[in-house]
């Protein structure tokens, strides 16, 4: 089975391989941080959470916020 990615492209500065994800199982928090622009995102995690899950949640949240802004502009 292929290993999943652990570093990702930043959705804000678009710099490849600049986002690292850390998982703190003690506090059940996952955090994705860009080493270039310092943007970050945190979420709750479970024992099954992988770095790709944290990054995917960040991308989903960015899309949700952008869609809310577009809907507000259209109104």
N, C-alpha and C. Protein backbone atom coordinates (compact mmCIF):
# COMPACT_ATOMS: atom_id res chain seq x y z
N UNK A 1 0.83 -1.18 0.00
CA UNK A 1 0.00 0.00 0.00
C UNK A 1 0.88 1.25 0.00
N UNK A 2 0.54 2.23 -0.85
CA UNK A 2 1.31 3.46 -0.94
C UNK A 2 1.16 4.29 0.33
N UNK A 3 2.24 4.99 0.71
CA UNK A 3 2.18 5.89 1.85
C UNK A 3 1.47 7.18 1.43
N UNK A 4 0.69 7.74 2.35
CA UNK A 4 -0.01 8.99 2.09
C UNK A 4 0.95 10.16 2.26
N UNK A 5 0.67 11.26 1.55
CA UNK A 5 1.49 12.47 1.67
C UNK A 5 1.41 13.03 3.09
N UNK A 6 2.49 13.69 3.50
CA UNK A 6 2.51 14.36 4.80
C UNK A 6 2.82 15.84 4.67
N UNK A 7 3.25 16.30 3.50
CA UNK A 7 3.44 17.72 3.22
C UNK A 7 2.61 18.08 1.99
N UNK A 8 2.10 19.34 1.98
CA UNK A 8 1.13 19.71 0.97
C UNK A 8 1.36 21.13 0.46
N UNK A 9 0.63 21.48 -0.59
CA UNK A 9 0.66 22.81 -1.18
C UNK A 9 -0.24 23.75 -0.39
N UNK A 10 0.24 24.96 -0.11
CA UNK A 10 -0.54 25.93 0.66
C UNK A 10 -1.68 26.50 -0.17
N UNK A 11 -2.91 26.52 0.38
CA UNK A 11 -4.03 27.09 -0.38
C UNK A 11 -4.00 28.62 -0.42
N UNK A 12 -3.13 29.25 0.35
CA UNK A 12 -3.07 30.72 0.37
C UNK A 12 -1.92 31.25 -0.49
N UNK A 13 -0.70 30.77 -0.27
CA UNK A 13 0.43 31.28 -1.04
C UNK A 13 0.79 30.37 -2.22
N UNK A 14 0.14 29.20 -2.30
CA UNK A 14 0.32 28.25 -3.41
C UNK A 14 1.75 27.72 -3.51
N UNK A 15 2.49 27.76 -2.42
CA UNK A 15 3.84 27.23 -2.42
C UNK A 15 3.78 25.72 -2.19
N UNK A 16 4.35 24.96 -3.10
CA UNK A 16 4.31 23.51 -3.00
C UNK A 16 5.14 22.97 -1.84
N UNK A 17 4.65 21.96 -1.20
CA UNK A 17 5.35 21.27 -0.10
C UNK A 17 5.70 22.18 1.07
N UNK A 18 4.91 23.20 1.32
CA UNK A 18 5.19 24.11 2.43
C UNK A 18 4.30 23.87 3.64
N UNK A 19 3.24 23.10 3.48
CA UNK A 19 2.31 22.85 4.58
C UNK A 19 2.66 21.52 5.25
N UNK A 20 2.91 21.59 6.55
CA UNK A 20 3.15 20.39 7.34
C UNK A 20 1.99 20.21 8.30
N UNK A 21 1.62 18.98 8.53
CA UNK A 21 0.53 18.67 9.45
C UNK A 21 1.10 17.96 10.68
N UNK A 22 0.66 18.41 11.84
CA UNK A 22 1.05 17.78 13.10
C UNK A 22 -0.20 17.29 13.80
N UNK A 23 -0.08 16.14 14.45
CA UNK A 23 -1.21 15.57 15.19
C UNK A 23 -0.79 15.41 16.64
N UNK A 24 -1.56 16.05 17.52
CA UNK A 24 -1.33 15.96 18.97
C UNK A 24 -2.42 15.06 19.54
N UNK A 25 -2.09 13.77 19.70
CA UNK A 25 -3.09 12.82 20.18
C UNK A 25 -3.44 13.04 21.66
N UNK A 26 -2.52 13.64 22.42
CA UNK A 26 -2.79 13.90 23.83
C UNK A 26 -3.96 14.88 23.99
N UNK A 27 -3.97 15.92 23.14
CA UNK A 27 -5.01 16.93 23.19
C UNK A 27 -6.05 16.79 22.08
N UNK A 28 -5.88 15.76 21.23
CA UNK A 28 -6.80 15.48 20.11
C UNK A 28 -6.95 16.68 19.17
N UNK A 29 -5.80 17.29 18.82
CA UNK A 29 -5.80 18.44 17.92
C UNK A 29 -4.85 18.15 16.77
N UNK A 30 -5.31 18.46 15.56
CA UNK A 30 -4.47 18.37 14.38
C UNK A 30 -4.27 19.77 13.83
N UNK A 31 -3.06 20.08 13.40
CA UNK A 31 -2.78 21.42 12.90
C UNK A 31 -1.99 21.34 11.60
N UNK A 32 -2.40 22.15 10.64
CA UNK A 32 -1.69 22.30 9.38
C UNK A 32 -1.14 23.72 9.35
N UNK A 33 0.16 23.86 9.07
CA UNK A 33 0.80 25.18 9.07
C UNK A 33 1.69 25.32 7.84
N UNK A 34 1.59 26.48 7.18
CA UNK A 34 2.46 26.78 6.05
C UNK A 34 3.75 27.40 6.57
N UNK A 35 4.86 26.85 6.18
CA UNK A 35 6.16 27.36 6.60
C UNK A 35 6.56 28.63 5.87
N UNK A 36 5.84 29.00 4.81
CA UNK A 36 6.17 30.20 4.03
C UNK A 36 5.35 31.40 4.49
N UNK A 37 4.02 31.29 4.42
CA UNK A 37 3.15 32.43 4.74
C UNK A 37 2.58 32.38 6.16
N UNK A 38 2.86 31.30 6.89
CA UNK A 38 2.44 31.13 8.28
C UNK A 38 0.93 30.97 8.49
N UNK A 39 0.15 30.79 7.41
CA UNK A 39 -1.27 30.49 7.57
C UNK A 39 -1.39 29.13 8.25
N UNK A 40 -2.45 28.95 9.06
CA UNK A 40 -2.61 27.67 9.71
C UNK A 40 -4.07 27.33 9.89
N UNK A 41 -4.31 26.09 10.21
CA UNK A 41 -5.65 25.56 10.41
C UNK A 41 -5.54 24.46 11.46
N UNK A 42 -6.51 24.43 12.38
CA UNK A 42 -6.52 23.34 13.36
C UNK A 42 -7.91 22.75 13.45
N UNK A 43 -7.95 21.48 13.83
CA UNK A 43 -9.20 20.75 13.91
C UNK A 43 -9.05 19.65 14.95
N UNK A 44 -10.16 19.08 15.34
CA UNK A 44 -10.11 17.95 16.26
C UNK A 44 -9.78 16.69 15.48
N UNK A 45 -9.12 15.76 16.14
CA UNK A 45 -8.70 14.52 15.49
C UNK A 45 -9.15 13.31 16.30
N UNK A 46 -9.08 12.15 15.66
CA UNK A 46 -9.34 10.88 16.32
C UNK A 46 -8.11 9.99 16.11
N UNK A 47 -8.16 8.80 16.65
CA UNK A 47 -7.04 7.87 16.49
C UNK A 47 -6.83 7.46 15.04
N UNK A 48 -7.84 7.64 14.20
CA UNK A 48 -7.74 7.25 12.79
C UNK A 48 -7.30 8.38 11.87
N UNK A 49 -7.16 9.59 12.39
CA UNK A 49 -6.83 10.76 11.58
C UNK A 49 -5.40 10.67 11.05
N UNK A 50 -5.26 11.02 9.77
CA UNK A 50 -3.96 11.09 9.10
C UNK A 50 -3.73 12.54 8.67
N UNK A 51 -2.48 12.92 8.36
CA UNK A 51 -2.21 14.29 7.91
C UNK A 51 -3.06 14.73 6.72
N UNK A 52 -3.31 13.83 5.77
CA UNK A 52 -4.13 14.17 4.61
C UNK A 52 -5.55 14.55 5.02
N UNK A 53 -6.05 13.98 6.11
CA UNK A 53 -7.39 14.31 6.59
C UNK A 53 -7.44 15.76 7.09
N UNK A 54 -6.41 16.18 7.79
CA UNK A 54 -6.35 17.56 8.30
C UNK A 54 -6.27 18.53 7.13
N UNK A 55 -5.40 18.24 6.18
CA UNK A 55 -5.26 19.11 5.01
C UNK A 55 -6.56 19.17 4.22
N UNK A 56 -7.22 18.05 4.04
CA UNK A 56 -8.48 18.02 3.30
C UNK A 56 -9.56 18.84 3.99
N UNK A 57 -9.61 18.77 5.31
CA UNK A 57 -10.57 19.59 6.05
C UNK A 57 -10.27 21.08 5.86
N UNK A 58 -8.98 21.44 5.81
CA UNK A 58 -8.60 22.83 5.60
C UNK A 58 -9.07 23.30 4.23
N UNK A 59 -8.83 22.50 3.21
CA UNK A 59 -9.26 22.85 1.85
C UNK A 59 -10.78 22.97 1.79
N UNK A 60 -11.50 22.04 2.41
CA UNK A 60 -12.96 22.10 2.44
C UNK A 60 -13.44 23.37 3.13
N UNK A 61 -12.79 23.75 4.23
CA UNK A 61 -13.18 24.97 4.95
C UNK A 61 -12.91 26.22 4.10
N UNK A 62 -11.80 26.23 3.38
CA UNK A 62 -11.50 27.36 2.48
C UNK A 62 -12.57 27.49 1.41
N UNK A 63 -12.97 26.37 0.82
CA UNK A 63 -14.01 26.40 -0.20
C UNK A 63 -15.34 26.85 0.38
N UNK A 64 -15.67 26.40 1.59
CA UNK A 64 -16.93 26.80 2.23
C UNK A 64 -16.96 28.31 2.46
N UNK A 65 -15.86 28.85 2.97
CA UNK A 65 -15.80 30.30 3.23
C UNK A 65 -15.87 31.07 1.93
N UNK A 66 -15.17 30.62 0.90
CA UNK A 66 -15.21 31.31 -0.40
C UNK A 66 -16.61 31.29 -0.99
N UNK A 67 -17.33 30.18 -0.84
CA UNK A 67 -18.70 30.10 -1.36
C UNK A 67 -19.63 31.03 -0.58
N UNK A 68 -19.43 31.16 0.72
CA UNK A 68 -20.24 32.09 1.51
C UNK A 68 -20.01 33.52 1.06
N UNK A 69 -18.75 33.87 0.78
CA UNK A 69 -18.42 35.22 0.32
C UNK A 69 -19.03 35.48 -1.04
N UNK A 70 -18.97 34.50 -1.94
CA UNK A 70 -19.56 34.66 -3.27
C UNK A 70 -21.07 34.83 -3.17
N UNK A 71 -21.73 34.06 -2.29
CA UNK A 71 -23.18 34.19 -2.11
C UNK A 71 -23.53 35.56 -1.56
N UNK A 72 -22.73 36.07 -0.64
CA UNK A 72 -22.98 37.40 -0.08
C UNK A 72 -22.80 38.49 -1.13
N UNK A 73 -21.80 38.34 -2.00
CA UNK A 73 -21.56 39.31 -3.07
C UNK A 73 -22.69 39.30 -4.09
N UNK A 74 -23.29 38.13 -4.32
CA UNK A 74 -24.36 38.01 -5.31
C UNK A 74 -25.67 38.60 -4.80
N UNK A 75 -25.81 38.69 -3.49
CA UNK A 75 -27.07 39.18 -2.91
C UNK A 75 -27.20 40.67 -2.96
